[in-house]
């Protein structure tokens, strides 16, 4: 499992923008670990890639992962993150990987 957590509505808006960028064409990539609000745990890296089809999450090294989805699936991930663009109390989470491999969860806290 890969857990993306924390950040306020502005940070989620940046993450959603990255997802929309990926939906713009096959071959686009975003290093999610390089986004300004991301704090990697144990130097873990996650590269999101737009592909011809949903390939899911693949480990390339012990702390290096690639998450490859088709264009339409990146739009779906963007839509799933929309509800986190408003301030709310408590812990809220969403599974966002529609493909194979480890689950990817976005959570408002380091819990789900």
N, C-alpha and C. Protein backbone atom coordinates (compact mmCIF):
# COMPACT_ATOMS: atom_id res chain seq x y z
N UNK A 1 0.84 -1.17 0.00
CA UNK A 1 0.00 0.00 0.00
C UNK A 1 0.89 1.24 0.00
N UNK A 2 0.44 2.26 -0.74
CA UNK A 2 1.09 3.57 -0.74
C UNK A 2 0.08 4.55 -0.17
N UNK A 3 0.48 5.28 0.85
CA UNK A 3 -0.41 6.24 1.49
C UNK A 3 0.05 7.66 1.18
N UNK A 4 -0.82 8.41 0.55
CA UNK A 4 -0.62 9.84 0.33
C UNK A 4 -1.51 10.52 1.36
N UNK A 5 -0.94 11.35 2.22
CA UNK A 5 -1.77 11.90 3.29
C UNK A 5 -1.41 13.34 3.61
N UNK A 6 -2.35 13.96 4.30
CA UNK A 6 -2.15 15.31 4.81
C UNK A 6 -2.35 16.36 3.73
N UNK A 7 -1.94 17.54 4.09
CA UNK A 7 -2.12 18.64 3.16
C UNK A 7 -3.52 19.19 3.24
N UNK A 8 -3.62 20.46 3.02
CA UNK A 8 -4.92 21.11 3.03
C UNK A 8 -5.50 21.20 1.63
N UNK A 9 -6.60 21.90 1.50
CA UNK A 9 -7.26 22.02 0.20
C UNK A 9 -6.36 22.56 -0.91
N UNK A 10 -5.46 23.49 -0.59
CA UNK A 10 -4.56 24.01 -1.63
C UNK A 10 -3.61 22.94 -2.13
N UNK A 11 -3.13 22.11 -1.22
CA UNK A 11 -2.23 21.03 -1.61
C UNK A 11 -2.96 19.99 -2.45
N UNK A 12 -4.18 19.67 -2.08
CA UNK A 12 -4.97 18.72 -2.86
C UNK A 12 -5.25 19.29 -4.25
N UNK A 13 -5.47 20.59 -4.33
CA UNK A 13 -5.68 21.23 -5.64
C UNK A 13 -4.44 21.06 -6.52
N UNK A 14 -3.25 21.17 -5.94
CA UNK A 14 -2.01 20.94 -6.70
C UNK A 14 -1.90 19.49 -7.16
N UNK A 15 -2.27 18.57 -6.28
CA UNK A 15 -2.24 17.15 -6.63
C UNK A 15 -3.24 16.86 -7.76
N UNK A 16 -4.42 17.44 -7.66
CA UNK A 16 -5.42 17.25 -8.71
C UNK A 16 -4.94 17.82 -10.04
N UNK A 17 -4.27 18.95 -9.99
CA UNK A 17 -3.72 19.55 -11.21
C UNK A 17 -2.72 18.60 -11.86
N UNK A 18 -1.90 17.93 -11.05
CA UNK A 18 -0.95 16.95 -11.58
C UNK A 18 -1.69 15.80 -12.26
N UNK A 19 -2.80 15.35 -11.67
CA UNK A 19 -3.58 14.27 -12.26
C UNK A 19 -4.17 14.70 -13.61
N UNK A 20 -4.66 15.93 -13.68
CA UNK A 20 -5.21 16.43 -14.94
C UNK A 20 -4.12 16.54 -16.00
N UNK A 21 -2.92 16.92 -15.60
CA UNK A 21 -1.80 16.98 -16.54
C UNK A 21 -1.54 15.61 -17.14
N UNK A 22 -1.60 14.58 -16.31
CA UNK A 22 -1.38 13.21 -16.78
C UNK A 22 -2.45 12.76 -17.77
N UNK A 23 -3.65 13.26 -17.61
CA UNK A 23 -4.75 12.87 -18.50
C UNK A 23 -4.63 13.54 -19.88
N UNK A 24 -3.66 14.41 -20.05
CA UNK A 24 -3.51 15.15 -21.31
C UNK A 24 -2.78 14.44 -22.41
N UNK A 25 -2.18 13.30 -22.15
CA UNK A 25 -1.50 12.58 -23.21
C UNK A 25 -0.62 11.47 -22.69
N UNK A 26 -0.52 10.39 -23.46
CA UNK A 26 0.29 9.24 -23.10
C UNK A 26 1.76 9.66 -23.03
N UNK A 27 2.46 9.16 -22.03
CA UNK A 27 3.88 9.44 -21.87
C UNK A 27 4.20 10.55 -20.89
N UNK A 28 3.19 11.27 -20.44
CA UNK A 28 3.43 12.32 -19.45
C UNK A 28 3.75 11.69 -18.10
N UNK A 29 4.61 12.38 -17.33
CA UNK A 29 5.02 11.86 -16.03
C UNK A 29 5.04 12.97 -15.00
N UNK A 30 4.74 12.60 -13.76
CA UNK A 30 4.85 13.52 -12.63
C UNK A 30 5.52 12.76 -11.49
N UNK A 31 6.58 13.33 -10.97
CA UNK A 31 7.24 12.76 -9.79
C UNK A 31 6.48 13.27 -8.57
N UNK A 32 5.54 12.47 -8.08
CA UNK A 32 4.70 12.92 -6.97
C UNK A 32 5.53 13.24 -5.74
N UNK A 33 6.64 12.56 -5.55
CA UNK A 33 7.50 12.81 -4.40
C UNK A 33 8.20 14.17 -4.48
N UNK A 34 8.20 14.80 -5.66
CA UNK A 34 8.82 16.12 -5.84
C UNK A 34 7.84 17.27 -5.70
N UNK A 35 6.55 16.99 -5.54
CA UNK A 35 5.59 18.07 -5.36
C UNK A 35 5.94 18.81 -4.07
N UNK A 36 5.76 20.14 -4.03
CA UNK A 36 6.27 20.94 -2.91
C UNK A 36 5.71 20.58 -1.54
N UNK A 37 4.55 20.01 -1.45
CA UNK A 37 3.93 19.71 -0.16
C UNK A 37 4.16 18.27 0.29
N UNK A 38 4.81 17.45 -0.54
CA UNK A 38 5.00 16.04 -0.23
C UNK A 38 6.21 15.84 0.66
N UNK A 39 6.01 15.07 1.72
CA UNK A 39 7.10 14.65 2.59
C UNK A 39 7.20 13.13 2.48
N UNK A 40 8.25 12.68 1.84
CA UNK A 40 8.44 11.26 1.62
C UNK A 40 8.87 10.57 2.90
N UNK A 41 8.32 9.40 3.15
CA UNK A 41 8.71 8.58 4.29
C UNK A 41 9.77 7.59 3.80
N UNK A 42 10.89 7.53 4.49
CA UNK A 42 11.99 6.63 4.15
C UNK A 42 12.48 6.82 2.71
N UNK A 43 12.41 8.07 2.21
CA UNK A 43 12.89 8.43 0.87
C UNK A 43 12.17 7.68 -0.24
N UNK A 44 10.94 7.29 0.02
CA UNK A 44 10.12 6.60 -0.97
C UNK A 44 9.80 7.55 -2.13
N UNK A 45 9.84 7.02 -3.35
CA UNK A 45 9.55 7.82 -4.54
C UNK A 45 8.39 7.18 -5.30
N UNK A 46 7.49 8.04 -5.79
CA UNK A 46 6.34 7.58 -6.58
C UNK A 46 6.23 8.44 -7.83
N UNK A 47 6.42 7.81 -8.98
CA UNK A 47 6.29 8.49 -10.26
C UNK A 47 4.97 8.07 -10.89
N UNK A 48 4.15 9.05 -11.24
CA UNK A 48 2.86 8.79 -11.90
C UNK A 48 3.06 8.98 -13.40
N UNK A 49 2.57 8.02 -14.18
CA UNK A 49 2.82 8.00 -15.62
C UNK A 49 1.50 7.77 -16.36
N UNK A 50 1.28 8.54 -17.43
CA UNK A 50 0.11 8.29 -18.27
C UNK A 50 0.49 7.24 -19.31
N UNK A 51 -0.33 6.22 -19.40
CA UNK A 51 -0.04 5.08 -20.27
C UNK A 51 -1.22 4.80 -21.19
N UNK A 52 -1.04 3.85 -22.08
CA UNK A 52 -2.11 3.45 -23.00
C UNK A 52 -3.25 2.74 -22.25
N UNK A 53 -2.88 2.05 -21.15
CA UNK A 53 -3.86 1.28 -20.38
C UNK A 53 -3.49 1.34 -18.90
N UNK A 54 -4.41 0.91 -18.05
CA UNK A 54 -4.17 0.88 -16.61
C UNK A 54 -3.23 -0.27 -16.28
N UNK A 55 -2.01 0.06 -15.90
CA UNK A 55 -1.02 -0.95 -15.53
C UNK A 55 -0.87 -1.07 -14.03
N UNK A 56 -1.25 -0.04 -13.28
CA UNK A 56 -1.18 -0.08 -11.83
C UNK A 56 0.16 0.33 -11.29
N UNK A 57 0.46 -0.16 -10.09
CA UNK A 57 1.68 0.21 -9.38
C UNK A 57 2.69 -0.91 -9.49
N UNK A 58 3.91 -0.54 -9.86
CA UNK A 58 5.00 -1.49 -9.99
C UNK A 58 6.19 -0.96 -9.21
N UNK A 59 6.81 -1.83 -8.42
CA UNK A 59 8.03 -1.45 -7.68
C UNK A 59 9.21 -1.61 -8.61
N UNK A 60 9.99 -0.55 -8.76
CA UNK A 60 11.20 -0.59 -9.58
C UNK A 60 12.45 -0.81 -8.73
N UNK A 61 12.34 -0.50 -7.46
CA UNK A 61 13.40 -0.69 -6.47
C UNK A 61 12.69 -0.69 -5.12
N UNK A 62 13.39 -1.01 -4.05
CA UNK A 62 12.70 -1.08 -2.75
C UNK A 62 11.92 0.18 -2.36
N UNK A 63 12.36 1.36 -2.80
CA UNK A 63 11.65 2.60 -2.43
C UNK A 63 11.26 3.41 -3.67
N UNK A 64 11.26 2.79 -4.84
CA UNK A 64 10.98 3.49 -6.09
C UNK A 64 9.81 2.80 -6.80
N UNK A 65 8.70 3.54 -6.95
CA UNK A 65 7.47 2.97 -7.52
C UNK A 65 7.01 3.77 -8.72
N UNK A 66 6.38 3.08 -9.68
CA UNK A 66 5.73 3.72 -10.82
C UNK A 66 4.26 3.37 -10.79
N UNK A 67 3.42 4.39 -10.97
CA UNK A 67 1.97 4.23 -11.00
C UNK A 67 1.49 4.63 -12.38
N UNK A 68 1.14 3.67 -13.21
CA UNK A 68 0.77 3.92 -14.60
C UNK A 68 -0.71 3.66 -14.83
N UNK A 69 -1.38 4.69 -15.31
CA UNK A 69 -2.81 4.59 -15.62
C UNK A 69 -3.08 5.19 -17.00
N UNK A 70 -4.20 4.78 -17.58
CA UNK A 70 -4.66 5.36 -18.83
C UNK A 70 -5.22 6.77 -18.59
N UNK A 71 -5.39 7.49 -19.66
CA UNK A 71 -5.81 8.89 -19.59
C UNK A 71 -7.13 9.07 -18.84
N UNK A 72 -8.11 8.25 -19.14
CA UNK A 72 -9.42 8.37 -18.49
C UNK A 72 -9.33 8.07 -16.99
N UNK A 73 -8.49 7.13 -16.62
CA UNK A 73 -8.34 6.80 -15.20
C UNK A 73 -7.72 7.94 -14.41
N UNK A 74 -6.79 8.70 -15.03
CA UNK A 74 -6.23 9.87 -14.32
C UNK A 74 -7.32 10.90 -14.06
N UNK A 75 -8.25 11.05 -15.00
CA UNK A 75 -9.38 11.96 -14.76
C UNK A 75 -10.25 11.46 -13.61
N UNK A 76 -10.43 10.15 -13.50
CA UNK A 76 -11.21 9.59 -12.41
C UNK A 76 -10.51 9.83 -11.06
N UNK A 77 -9.18 9.69 -11.03
CA UNK A 77 -8.45 9.97 -9.80
C UNK A 77 -8.63 11.43 -9.41
N UNK A 78 -8.54 12.31 -10.38
CA UNK A 78 -8.77 13.74 -10.14
C UNK A 78 -10.14 13.96 -9.51
N UNK A 79 -11.16 13.34 -10.05
CA UNK A 79 -12.53 13.49 -9.53
C UNK A 79 -12.64 12.94 -8.11
N UNK A 80 -11.97 11.83 -7.83
CA UNK A 80 -12.03 11.24 -6.49
C UNK A 80 -11.40 12.14 -5.44
N UNK A 81 -10.44 12.96 -5.85
CA UNK A 81 -9.77 13.86 -4.91
C UNK A 81 -10.54 15.15 -4.67
N UNK A 82 -11.54 15.42 -5.48
CA UNK A 82 -12.28 16.69 -5.40
C UNK A 82 -12.84 16.95 -4.01
N UNK A 83 -13.35 15.95 -3.35
CA UNK A 83 -13.98 16.15 -2.04
C UNK A 83 -13.00 16.60 -0.96
N UNK A 84 -11.71 16.44 -1.20
CA UNK A 84 -10.69 16.85 -0.23
C UNK A 84 -10.29 18.32 -0.40
N UNK A 85 -10.91 19.00 -1.34
CA UNK A 85 -10.59 20.41 -1.59
C UNK A 85 -11.35 21.35 -0.65
N UNK A 86 -12.12 20.80 0.25
CA UNK A 86 -12.83 21.59 1.25
C UNK A 86 -12.33 21.18 2.64
N UNK A 87 -12.19 22.17 3.52
CA UNK A 87 -11.77 21.89 4.90
C UNK A 87 -12.88 21.12 5.61
N UNK A 88 -12.51 20.01 6.24
CA UNK A 88 -13.45 19.22 7.03
C UNK A 88 -12.70 18.67 8.22
N UNK A 89 -13.40 18.40 9.28
CA UNK A 89 -12.76 17.82 10.45
C UNK A 89 -12.70 16.31 10.35
N UNK A 90 -11.86 15.70 11.16
CA UNK A 90 -11.78 14.24 11.21
C UNK A 90 -10.91 13.67 10.11
N UNK A 91 -10.81 12.36 10.12
CA UNK A 91 -10.01 11.66 9.12
C UNK A 91 -10.92 11.15 8.02
N UNK A 92 -10.52 11.44 6.80
CA UNK A 92 -11.27 11.00 5.64
C UNK A 92 -10.27 10.42 4.64
N UNK A 93 -10.66 9.38 3.91
CA UNK A 93 -9.73 8.77 2.96
C UNK A 93 -10.47 8.25 1.74
N UNK A 94 -9.67 7.96 0.70
CA UNK A 94 -10.22 7.45 -0.56
C UNK A 94 -9.18 6.54 -1.22
N UNK A 95 -9.59 5.34 -1.66
CA UNK A 95 -8.74 4.49 -2.48
C UNK A 95 -8.75 5.10 -3.88
N UNK A 96 -7.57 5.32 -4.47
CA UNK A 96 -7.53 6.01 -5.76
C UNK A 96 -6.85 5.22 -6.88
N UNK A 97 -6.42 4.00 -6.63
CA UNK A 97 -5.79 3.20 -7.68
C UNK A 97 -6.81 2.22 -8.26
N UNK A 98 -7.30 2.47 -9.48
CA UNK A 98 -8.28 1.55 -10.08
C UNK A 98 -7.64 0.32 -10.73
N UNK A 99 -6.32 0.23 -10.69
CA UNK A 99 -5.62 -0.85 -11.39
C UNK A 99 -4.97 -1.81 -10.41
N UNK A 100 -4.11 -2.67 -10.93
CA UNK A 100 -3.48 -3.70 -10.11
C UNK A 100 -2.30 -3.16 -9.31
N UNK A 101 -1.77 -4.02 -8.48
CA UNK A 101 -0.63 -3.64 -7.66
C UNK A 101 -1.09 -3.10 -6.32
N UNK A 102 -0.16 -2.53 -5.58
CA UNK A 102 -0.51 -1.99 -4.26
C UNK A 102 -1.62 -0.94 -4.34
N UNK A 103 -2.41 -0.90 -3.30
CA UNK A 103 -3.43 0.15 -3.19
C UNK A 103 -2.74 1.50 -3.03
N UNK A 104 -3.36 2.53 -3.57
CA UNK A 104 -2.93 3.90 -3.29
C UNK A 104 -4.11 4.56 -2.62
N UNK A 105 -3.85 5.10 -1.43
CA UNK A 105 -4.89 5.73 -0.63
C UNK A 105 -4.50 7.17 -0.39
N UNK A 106 -5.46 8.09 -0.62
CA UNK A 106 -5.26 9.47 -0.17
C UNK A 106 -6.05 9.63 1.11
N UNK A 107 -5.40 10.18 2.15
CA UNK A 107 -6.05 10.39 3.44
C UNK A 107 -5.72 11.77 3.96
N UNK A 108 -6.62 12.31 4.76
CA UNK A 108 -6.38 13.62 5.36
C UNK A 108 -5.40 13.53 6.53
N UNK A 109 -5.07 12.32 6.97
CA UNK A 109 -4.14 12.10 8.06
C UNK A 109 -3.36 10.82 7.81
N UNK A 110 -2.39 10.55 8.65
CA UNK A 110 -1.61 9.33 8.47
C UNK A 110 -2.36 8.14 9.06
N UNK A 111 -3.59 8.02 8.64
CA UNK A 111 -4.48 6.94 9.06
C UNK A 111 -5.55 6.80 8.00
N UNK A 112 -6.30 5.70 8.05
CA UNK A 112 -7.41 5.49 7.13
C UNK A 112 -8.41 4.59 7.75
